Amino acid sequence: MFVVIVDFKVKEDCVSSFKAALLKQARDSLDSEADCHQFDVCSDPHDPTQFTLYELYTDQQSFQEHLASSHFLNFDKTVHDWIEEKSVRTLKRVPA
């Protein structure tokens, strides 16, 4: 399995709009992508401008398909100006 962890720092006046768009993106990914197995949206309880995503895909190709999806491209265009910082890490899940 292919793991993607994304950290966002969002402009303070955009937090509510960003959160709504992010939750929609998570639902759209899970509903329309068979190879997207998990899409967790997390927020920092001490800093409302910080969000972290934990995404789980079948493989790297599945993630590339996610990045090319219309719902991702629309999300990315919508939130682009609301983001102050963004970092993406990819990992390989170690089976138990």
N, C-alpha and C. Protein backbone atom coordinates (compact mmCIF):
# COMPACT_ATOMS: atom_id res chain seq x y z
N MET A 1 0.84 -1.18 0.00
CA MET A 1 0.00 0.00 0.00
C MET A 1 0.89 1.25 0.00
N PHE A 2 0.36 2.29 -0.61
CA PHE A 2 1.08 3.55 -0.77
C PHE A 2 0.43 4.60 0.12
N VAL A 3 1.22 5.21 1.00
CA VAL A 3 0.73 6.17 1.98
C VAL A 3 1.15 7.58 1.57
N VAL A 4 0.22 8.51 1.70
CA VAL A 4 0.50 9.91 1.44
C VAL A 4 0.10 10.71 2.68
N ILE A 5 1.03 11.53 3.18
CA ILE A 5 0.75 12.40 4.31
C ILE A 5 0.97 13.84 3.84
N VAL A 6 -0.06 14.64 3.97
CA VAL A 6 0.01 16.03 3.52
C VAL A 6 -0.25 16.94 4.72
N ASP A 7 0.64 17.90 4.92
CA ASP A 7 0.47 18.90 5.98
C ASP A 7 0.19 20.25 5.33
N PHE A 8 -0.83 20.93 5.85
CA PHE A 8 -1.21 22.25 5.36
C PHE A 8 -1.17 23.26 6.50
N LYS A 9 -0.72 24.45 6.20
CA LYS A 9 -0.94 25.62 7.06
C LYS A 9 -1.78 26.56 6.21
N VAL A 10 -2.94 26.92 6.73
CA VAL A 10 -3.93 27.68 5.98
C VAL A 10 -4.03 29.10 6.54
N LYS A 11 -4.32 30.05 5.69
CA LYS A 11 -4.54 31.42 6.13
C LYS A 11 -5.70 31.45 7.12
N GLU A 12 -5.54 32.23 8.19
CA GLU A 12 -6.52 32.25 9.28
C GLU A 12 -7.94 32.54 8.81
N ASP A 13 -8.08 33.47 7.88
CA ASP A 13 -9.43 33.84 7.43
C ASP A 13 -10.02 32.85 6.43
N CYS A 14 -9.29 31.79 6.12
CA CYS A 14 -9.75 30.79 5.15
C CYS A 14 -10.01 29.43 5.78
N VAL A 15 -9.85 29.31 7.08
CA VAL A 15 -9.93 28.01 7.75
C VAL A 15 -11.27 27.32 7.50
N SER A 16 -12.35 28.01 7.69
CA SER A 16 -13.68 27.40 7.55
C SER A 16 -13.93 26.92 6.12
N SER A 17 -13.62 27.75 5.15
CA SER A 17 -13.80 27.38 3.74
C SER A 17 -12.88 26.23 3.36
N PHE A 18 -11.63 26.29 3.84
CA PHE A 18 -10.68 25.22 3.53
C PHE A 18 -11.16 23.90 4.11
N LYS A 19 -11.59 23.91 5.35
CA LYS A 19 -12.06 22.68 6.00
C LYS A 19 -13.23 22.07 5.23
N ALA A 20 -14.18 22.87 4.82
CA ALA A 20 -15.32 22.37 4.05
C ALA A 20 -14.88 21.76 2.73
N ALA A 21 -13.98 22.44 2.02
CA ALA A 21 -13.47 21.92 0.75
C ALA A 21 -12.68 20.64 0.95
N LEU A 22 -11.92 20.57 2.02
CA LEU A 22 -11.10 19.40 2.31
C LEU A 22 -11.97 18.18 2.63
N LEU A 23 -13.01 18.39 3.42
CA LEU A 23 -13.92 17.28 3.74
C LEU A 23 -14.66 16.79 2.49
N LYS A 24 -15.02 17.70 1.61
CA LYS A 24 -15.64 17.30 0.34
C LYS A 24 -14.65 16.51 -0.51
N GLN A 25 -13.41 16.96 -0.55
CA GLN A 25 -12.38 16.25 -1.31
C GLN A 25 -12.18 14.84 -0.77
N ALA A 26 -12.19 14.68 0.53
CA ALA A 26 -12.04 13.34 1.13
C ALA A 26 -13.20 12.45 0.71
N ARG A 27 -14.42 12.96 0.81
CA ARG A 27 -15.61 12.17 0.41
C ARG A 27 -15.56 11.82 -1.07
N ASP A 28 -15.22 12.80 -1.91
CA ASP A 28 -15.16 12.55 -3.35
C ASP A 28 -14.12 11.50 -3.68
N SER A 29 -12.97 11.55 -3.03
CA SER A 29 -11.90 10.58 -3.29
C SER A 29 -12.34 9.18 -2.91
N LEU A 30 -12.92 9.04 -1.72
CA LEU A 30 -13.36 7.72 -1.26
C LEU A 30 -14.52 7.19 -2.09
N ASP A 31 -15.41 8.06 -2.51
CA ASP A 31 -16.59 7.63 -3.28
C ASP A 31 -16.28 7.28 -4.72
N SER A 32 -15.29 7.94 -5.32
CA SER A 32 -15.08 7.77 -6.76
C SER A 32 -13.80 7.05 -7.15
N GLU A 33 -12.94 6.75 -6.18
CA GLU A 33 -11.67 6.09 -6.50
C GLU A 33 -11.59 4.74 -5.77
N ALA A 34 -11.71 3.66 -6.52
CA ALA A 34 -11.68 2.32 -5.92
C ALA A 34 -10.35 2.04 -5.22
N ASP A 35 -9.28 2.65 -5.69
CA ASP A 35 -7.95 2.40 -5.11
C ASP A 35 -7.56 3.40 -4.04
N CYS A 36 -8.48 4.25 -3.62
CA CYS A 36 -8.28 5.13 -2.46
C CYS A 36 -8.99 4.46 -1.29
N HIS A 37 -8.22 3.89 -0.38
CA HIS A 37 -8.77 3.08 0.70
C HIS A 37 -9.02 3.86 1.98
N GLN A 38 -8.33 4.97 2.14
CA GLN A 38 -8.47 5.76 3.36
C GLN A 38 -8.11 7.20 3.04
N PHE A 39 -8.84 8.12 3.65
CA PHE A 39 -8.58 9.54 3.44
C PHE A 39 -9.01 10.25 4.72
N ASP A 40 -8.10 10.32 5.67
CA ASP A 40 -8.39 10.92 6.97
C ASP A 40 -8.00 12.39 6.97
N VAL A 41 -8.90 13.22 7.44
CA VAL A 41 -8.65 14.65 7.60
C VAL A 41 -8.46 14.91 9.09
N CYS A 42 -7.32 15.47 9.45
CA CYS A 42 -6.99 15.73 10.86
C CYS A 42 -6.70 17.22 11.04
N SER A 43 -7.03 17.73 12.22
CA SER A 43 -6.72 19.13 12.53
C SER A 43 -6.00 19.20 13.86
N ASP A 44 -5.21 20.23 14.00
CA ASP A 44 -4.45 20.45 15.23
C ASP A 44 -5.37 21.12 16.25
N PRO A 45 -5.59 20.50 17.41
CA PRO A 45 -6.51 21.10 18.39
C PRO A 45 -5.99 22.41 18.98
N HIS A 46 -4.70 22.69 18.82
CA HIS A 46 -4.11 23.90 19.38
C HIS A 46 -3.86 24.98 18.33
N ASP A 47 -4.00 24.62 17.05
CA ASP A 47 -3.77 25.58 15.97
C ASP A 47 -4.76 25.29 14.84
N PRO A 48 -5.84 26.03 14.76
CA PRO A 48 -6.88 25.74 13.77
C PRO A 48 -6.44 25.94 12.32
N THR A 49 -5.27 26.51 12.10
CA THR A 49 -4.78 26.71 10.73
C THR A 49 -3.99 25.52 10.22
N GLN A 50 -3.77 24.51 11.05
CA GLN A 50 -2.97 23.34 10.68
C GLN A 50 -3.87 22.14 10.40
N PHE A 51 -3.68 21.52 9.24
CA PHE A 51 -4.41 20.32 8.85
C PHE A 51 -3.42 19.27 8.36
N THR A 52 -3.74 18.02 8.60
CA THR A 52 -2.94 16.91 8.10
C THR A 52 -3.87 15.89 7.46
N LEU A 53 -3.46 15.37 6.31
CA LEU A 53 -4.19 14.30 5.64
C LEU A 53 -3.38 13.02 5.73
N TYR A 54 -4.08 11.92 5.94
CA TYR A 54 -3.48 10.59 5.85
C TYR A 54 -4.28 9.85 4.79
N GLU A 55 -3.62 9.56 3.67
CA GLU A 55 -4.29 8.91 2.54
C GLU A 55 -3.61 7.57 2.26
N LEU A 56 -4.42 6.59 1.90
CA LEU A 56 -3.91 5.25 1.63
C LEU A 56 -4.43 4.78 0.27
N TYR A 57 -3.49 4.45 -0.62
CA TYR A 57 -3.80 4.01 -1.98
C TYR A 57 -3.23 2.62 -2.22
N THR A 58 -3.76 1.94 -3.21
CA THR A 58 -3.27 0.61 -3.56
C THR A 58 -1.80 0.65 -3.93
N ASP A 59 -1.42 1.65 -4.73
CA ASP A 59 -0.04 1.78 -5.18
C ASP A 59 0.20 3.22 -5.64
N GLN A 60 1.43 3.49 -6.05
CA GLN A 60 1.78 4.84 -6.47
C GLN A 60 0.99 5.27 -7.71
N GLN A 61 0.75 4.35 -8.61
CA GLN A 61 -0.04 4.66 -9.81
C GLN A 61 -1.45 5.13 -9.43
N SER A 62 -2.02 4.52 -8.41
CA SER A 62 -3.35 4.93 -7.94
C SER A 62 -3.32 6.37 -7.44
N PHE A 63 -2.25 6.73 -6.77
CA PHE A 63 -2.12 8.11 -6.28
C PHE A 63 -1.96 9.07 -7.46
N GLN A 64 -1.20 8.69 -8.47
CA GLN A 64 -1.05 9.53 -9.66
C GLN A 64 -2.40 9.74 -10.34
N GLU A 65 -3.21 8.69 -10.38
CA GLU A 65 -4.55 8.82 -10.96
C GLU A 65 -5.41 9.77 -10.12
N HIS A 66 -5.24 9.71 -8.80
CA HIS A 66 -5.94 10.62 -7.90
C HIS A 66 -5.57 12.07 -8.25
N LEU A 67 -4.28 12.33 -8.44
CA LEU A 67 -3.82 13.69 -8.75
C LEU A 67 -4.36 14.21 -10.08
N ALA A 68 -4.70 13.29 -10.98
CA ALA A 68 -5.21 13.68 -12.30
C ALA A 68 -6.74 13.74 -12.33
N SER A 69 -7.40 13.36 -11.25
CA SER A 69 -8.86 13.31 -11.23
C SER A 69 -9.45 14.73 -11.26
N SER A 70 -10.63 14.84 -11.83
CA SER A 70 -11.26 16.16 -11.92
C SER A 70 -11.58 16.72 -10.55
N HIS A 71 -12.00 15.87 -9.61
CA HIS A 71 -12.33 16.39 -8.28
C HIS A 71 -11.08 16.91 -7.56
N PHE A 72 -9.92 16.25 -7.75
CA PHE A 72 -8.69 16.77 -7.14
C PHE A 72 -8.29 18.09 -7.80
N LEU A 73 -8.31 18.14 -9.12
CA LEU A 73 -7.91 19.36 -9.82
C LEU A 73 -8.80 20.54 -9.43
N ASN A 74 -10.10 20.30 -9.28
CA ASN A 74 -11.01 21.36 -8.83
C ASN A 74 -10.69 21.79 -7.40
N PHE A 75 -10.45 20.83 -6.52
CA PHE A 75 -10.08 21.13 -5.14
C PHE A 75 -8.80 21.96 -5.10
N ASP A 76 -7.79 21.52 -5.82
CA ASP A 76 -6.49 22.20 -5.82
C ASP A 76 -6.63 23.65 -6.30
N LYS A 77 -7.42 23.85 -7.33
CA LYS A 77 -7.64 25.21 -7.86
C LYS A 77 -8.39 26.07 -6.84
N THR A 78 -9.38 25.48 -6.18
CA THR A 78 -10.20 26.21 -5.21
C THR A 78 -9.38 26.68 -4.02
N VAL A 79 -8.55 25.79 -3.46
CA VAL A 79 -7.87 26.09 -2.19
C VAL A 79 -6.49 26.71 -2.35
N HIS A 80 -5.98 26.77 -3.55
CA HIS A 80 -4.60 27.20 -3.79
C HIS A 80 -4.24 28.50 -3.05
N ASP A 81 -5.07 29.50 -3.16
CA ASP A 81 -4.76 30.80 -2.56
C ASP A 81 -5.00 30.85 -1.06
N TRP A 82 -5.61 29.82 -0.50
CA TRP A 82 -5.89 29.78 0.94
C TRP A 82 -4.73 29.18 1.73
N ILE A 83 -3.77 28.57 1.04
CA ILE A 83 -2.70 27.81 1.69
C ILE A 83 -1.45 28.66 1.85
N GLU A 84 -0.90 28.69 3.07
CA GLU A 84 0.37 29.37 3.32
C GLU A 84 1.55 28.42 3.13
N GLU A 85 1.39 27.18 3.58
CA GLU A 85 2.45 26.17 3.47
C GLU A 85 1.82 24.82 3.20
N LYS A 86 2.56 23.99 2.45
CA LYS A 86 2.10 22.64 2.16
C LYS A 86 3.31 21.74 2.02
N SER A 87 3.26 20.57 2.65
CA SER A 87 4.31 19.58 2.45
C SER A 87 3.66 18.22 2.23
N VAL A 88 4.29 17.42 1.38
CA VAL A 88 3.77 16.10 1.04
C VAL A 88 4.86 15.07 1.27
N ARG A 89 4.50 14.01 2.00
CA ARG A 89 5.42 12.87 2.18
C ARG A 89 4.73 11.63 1.65
N THR A 90 5.50 10.76 1.01
CA THR A 90 4.96 9.48 0.57
C THR A 90 5.76 8.37 1.23
N LEU A 91 5.05 7.32 1.59
CA LEU A 91 5.65 6.21 2.31
C LEU A 91 5.09 4.89 1.79
N LYS A 92 5.79 3.83 2.08
CA LYS A 92 5.29 2.49 1.79
C LYS A 92 4.82 1.89 3.11
N ARG A 93 3.58 1.42 3.12
CA ARG A 93 3.03 0.83 4.34
C ARG A 93 3.71 -0.51 4.62
N VAL A 94 4.09 -0.72 5.87
CA VAL A 94 4.73 -1.96 6.29
C VAL A 94 3.63 -2.88 6.82
N PRO A 95 3.39 -4.01 6.16
CA PRO A 95 2.33 -4.91 6.63
C PRO A 95 2.68 -5.54 7.97
N ALA A 96 1.65 -5.76 8.77
CA ALA A 96 1.85 -6.37 10.10
C ALA A 96 2.12 -7.86 9.98
